[in-house]
Amino acid sequence: MDAFKQFDVKEGAVLRYDQLYPYLQERYPHYKDVQKEAEHHLGKEGYINPAPDGLMLTQVGHNHVWGK
């Protein structure tokens, strides 16, 4: 969820995979499928919806990230 804040992604906007993957690899290099795991977990919680080029932040996710 910190990646959405770092890249200033708001509700309905997409965090592109080309931004997300390097972010996750830098912070979690020991996880083989960190992007897949993050996408699964965040989708299950209702924070994101998959998009063709990345992860779209939902209203629930926006409220979680931005504290509203």
N, C-alpha and C. Protein backbone atom coordinates (compact mmCIF):
# COMPACT_ATOMS: atom_id res chain seq x y z
N MET A 1 0.82 -1.19 0.00
CA MET A 1 0.00 0.00 0.00
C MET A 1 0.87 1.26 0.00
N ASP A 2 2.08 1.14 0.54
CA ASP A 2 2.98 2.29 0.55
C ASP A 2 3.33 2.76 -0.86
N ALA A 3 3.36 1.85 -1.80
CA ALA A 3 3.69 2.23 -3.18
C ALA A 3 2.63 3.18 -3.74
N PHE A 4 1.38 2.95 -3.40
CA PHE A 4 0.32 3.85 -3.88
C PHE A 4 0.54 5.26 -3.33
N LYS A 5 0.96 5.33 -2.08
CA LYS A 5 1.20 6.64 -1.48
C LYS A 5 2.44 7.29 -2.09
N GLN A 6 3.51 6.51 -2.24
CA GLN A 6 4.75 7.07 -2.80
C GLN A 6 4.53 7.62 -4.20
N PHE A 7 3.74 6.92 -5.00
CA PHE A 7 3.51 7.35 -6.38
C PHE A 7 2.25 8.22 -6.51
N ASP A 8 1.67 8.63 -5.37
CA ASP A 8 0.53 9.54 -5.31
C ASP A 8 -0.65 9.05 -6.16
N VAL A 9 -0.98 7.77 -5.99
CA VAL A 9 -2.09 7.16 -6.72
C VAL A 9 -3.37 7.37 -5.91
N LYS A 10 -4.36 7.91 -6.53
CA LYS A 10 -5.65 8.18 -5.89
C LYS A 10 -6.69 7.19 -6.39
N GLU A 11 -7.87 7.23 -5.80
CA GLU A 11 -8.96 6.33 -6.16
C GLU A 11 -9.24 6.35 -7.67
N GLY A 12 -9.31 5.17 -8.26
CA GLY A 12 -9.60 5.05 -9.68
C GLY A 12 -8.38 5.16 -10.57
N ALA A 13 -7.25 5.56 -10.02
CA ALA A 13 -6.02 5.66 -10.81
C ALA A 13 -5.27 4.33 -10.74
N VAL A 14 -4.36 4.13 -11.68
CA VAL A 14 -3.63 2.87 -11.80
C VAL A 14 -2.16 3.07 -11.43
N LEU A 15 -1.67 2.20 -10.57
CA LEU A 15 -0.23 2.10 -10.30
C LEU A 15 0.30 1.11 -11.32
N ARG A 16 1.10 1.61 -12.25
CA ARG A 16 1.57 0.78 -13.36
C ARG A 16 2.57 -0.27 -12.89
N TYR A 17 2.54 -1.41 -13.55
CA TYR A 17 3.46 -2.49 -13.21
C TYR A 17 4.91 -2.06 -13.35
N ASP A 18 5.22 -1.20 -14.33
CA ASP A 18 6.61 -0.77 -14.50
C ASP A 18 7.08 0.11 -13.35
N GLN A 19 6.17 0.65 -12.55
CA GLN A 19 6.53 1.37 -11.33
C GLN A 19 6.54 0.41 -10.13
N LEU A 20 5.55 -0.46 -10.09
CA LEU A 20 5.35 -1.34 -8.95
C LEU A 20 6.45 -2.39 -8.83
N TYR A 21 6.80 -3.03 -9.93
CA TYR A 21 7.75 -4.14 -9.86
C TYR A 21 9.10 -3.71 -9.27
N PRO A 22 9.73 -2.64 -9.75
CA PRO A 22 11.01 -2.23 -9.14
C PRO A 22 10.85 -1.85 -7.66
N TYR A 23 9.75 -1.22 -7.32
CA TYR A 23 9.48 -0.84 -5.93
C TYR A 23 9.46 -2.09 -5.05
N LEU A 24 8.73 -3.11 -5.46
CA LEU A 24 8.62 -4.33 -4.67
C LEU A 24 9.94 -5.10 -4.63
N GLN A 25 10.64 -5.17 -5.75
CA GLN A 25 11.91 -5.89 -5.78
C GLN A 25 12.95 -5.25 -4.87
N GLU A 26 12.93 -3.94 -4.78
CA GLU A 26 13.88 -3.22 -3.91
C GLU A 26 13.58 -3.50 -2.44
N ARG A 27 12.32 -3.54 -2.08
CA ARG A 27 11.94 -3.69 -0.68
C ARG A 27 11.79 -5.14 -0.22
N TYR A 28 11.50 -6.02 -1.14
CA TYR A 28 11.25 -7.43 -0.80
C TYR A 28 12.01 -8.37 -1.74
N PRO A 29 13.33 -8.24 -1.80
CA PRO A 29 14.10 -9.04 -2.78
C PRO A 29 14.07 -10.54 -2.51
N HIS A 30 13.77 -10.95 -1.30
CA HIS A 30 13.79 -12.36 -0.96
C HIS A 30 12.50 -13.10 -1.35
N TYR A 31 11.46 -12.37 -1.77
CA TYR A 31 10.22 -13.01 -2.21
C TYR A 31 10.25 -13.21 -3.71
N LYS A 32 10.04 -14.44 -4.14
CA LYS A 32 10.10 -14.76 -5.56
C LYS A 32 8.96 -14.13 -6.35
N ASP A 33 7.74 -14.29 -5.86
CA ASP A 33 6.56 -13.80 -6.58
C ASP A 33 5.87 -12.68 -5.80
N VAL A 34 6.64 -11.70 -5.36
CA VAL A 34 6.09 -10.66 -4.49
C VAL A 34 4.97 -9.88 -5.17
N GLN A 35 5.10 -9.60 -6.44
CA GLN A 35 4.06 -8.84 -7.13
C GLN A 35 2.77 -9.65 -7.19
N LYS A 36 2.86 -10.92 -7.52
CA LYS A 36 1.68 -11.78 -7.58
C LYS A 36 1.03 -11.90 -6.21
N GLU A 37 1.83 -12.07 -5.17
CA GLU A 37 1.30 -12.18 -3.81
C GLU A 37 0.63 -10.89 -3.37
N ALA A 38 1.26 -9.76 -3.67
CA ALA A 38 0.69 -8.46 -3.31
C ALA A 38 -0.63 -8.25 -4.02
N GLU A 39 -0.67 -8.56 -5.29
CA GLU A 39 -1.90 -8.39 -6.07
C GLU A 39 -3.02 -9.26 -5.50
N HIS A 40 -2.70 -10.51 -5.17
CA HIS A 40 -3.70 -11.42 -4.62
C HIS A 40 -4.23 -10.90 -3.28
N HIS A 41 -3.33 -10.53 -2.39
CA HIS A 41 -3.71 -10.06 -1.05
C HIS A 41 -4.54 -8.77 -1.13
N LEU A 42 -4.07 -7.80 -1.91
CA LEU A 42 -4.76 -6.52 -1.99
C LEU A 42 -6.12 -6.65 -2.69
N GLY A 43 -6.21 -7.54 -3.66
CA GLY A 43 -7.48 -7.78 -4.32
C GLY A 43 -8.49 -8.44 -3.39
N LYS A 44 -8.00 -9.38 -2.60
CA LYS A 44 -8.86 -10.08 -1.64
C LYS A 44 -9.41 -9.11 -0.59
N GLU A 45 -8.62 -8.12 -0.21
CA GLU A 45 -9.04 -7.12 0.76
C GLU A 45 -9.94 -6.04 0.14
N GLY A 46 -10.02 -6.02 -1.19
CA GLY A 46 -10.84 -5.02 -1.88
C GLY A 46 -10.14 -3.69 -2.09
N TYR A 47 -8.81 -3.67 -1.91
CA TYR A 47 -8.05 -2.42 -2.06
C TYR A 47 -7.74 -2.09 -3.51
N ILE A 48 -7.64 -3.11 -4.35
CA ILE A 48 -7.29 -2.88 -5.75
C ILE A 48 -8.17 -3.72 -6.66
N ASN A 49 -8.18 -3.32 -7.92
CA ASN A 49 -8.73 -4.13 -9.00
C ASN A 49 -7.63 -4.24 -10.04
N PRO A 50 -7.44 -5.43 -10.60
CA PRO A 50 -6.43 -5.55 -11.67
C PRO A 50 -6.82 -4.70 -12.87
N ALA A 51 -5.84 -4.12 -13.48
CA ALA A 51 -6.02 -3.35 -14.71
C ALA A 51 -5.02 -3.89 -15.72
N PRO A 52 -5.22 -3.65 -17.00
CA PRO A 52 -4.29 -4.20 -18.01
C PRO A 52 -2.84 -3.79 -17.78
N ASP A 53 -2.61 -2.59 -17.30
CA ASP A 53 -1.23 -2.11 -17.16
C ASP A 53 -0.79 -1.94 -15.72
N GLY A 54 -1.61 -2.40 -14.75
CA GLY A 54 -1.21 -2.25 -13.35
C GLY A 54 -2.35 -2.57 -12.40
N LEU A 55 -2.33 -1.90 -11.26
CA LEU A 55 -3.32 -2.11 -10.22
C LEU A 55 -4.10 -0.82 -9.98
N MET A 56 -5.42 -0.88 -10.13
CA MET A 56 -6.26 0.28 -9.92
C MET A 56 -6.68 0.34 -8.46
N LEU A 57 -6.49 1.48 -7.84
CA LEU A 57 -6.86 1.68 -6.44
C LEU A 57 -8.36 1.89 -6.33
N THR A 58 -9.01 1.09 -5.48
CA THR A 58 -10.45 1.21 -5.27
C THR A 58 -10.74 2.27 -4.21
N GLN A 59 -12.01 2.55 -4.00
CA GLN A 59 -12.39 3.50 -2.95
C GLN A 59 -11.94 3.00 -1.58
N VAL A 60 -12.09 1.70 -1.33
CA VAL A 60 -11.65 1.10 -0.06
C VAL A 60 -10.14 1.27 0.10
N GLY A 61 -9.40 0.99 -0.97
CA GLY A 61 -7.95 1.16 -0.94
C GLY A 61 -7.54 2.60 -0.73
N HIS A 62 -8.23 3.50 -1.41
CA HIS A 62 -7.94 4.93 -1.27
C HIS A 62 -8.13 5.36 0.19
N ASN A 63 -9.23 4.94 0.79
CA ASN A 63 -9.49 5.30 2.18
C ASN A 63 -8.42 4.73 3.11
N HIS A 64 -7.95 3.53 2.81
CA HIS A 64 -6.90 2.92 3.62
C HIS A 64 -5.57 3.67 3.47
N VAL A 65 -5.20 3.99 2.25
CA VAL A 65 -3.92 4.67 1.99
C VAL A 65 -3.93 6.09 2.53
N TRP A 66 -4.98 6.80 2.24
CA TRP A 66 -5.02 8.24 2.53
C TRP A 66 -5.76 8.56 3.82
N GLY A 67 -6.22 7.55 4.54
CA GLY A 67 -6.81 7.75 5.86
C GLY A 67 -8.11 8.52 5.89
N LYS A 68 -8.95 8.31 4.90
CA LYS A 68 -10.22 9.04 4.85
C LYS A 68 -11.37 8.12 5.13
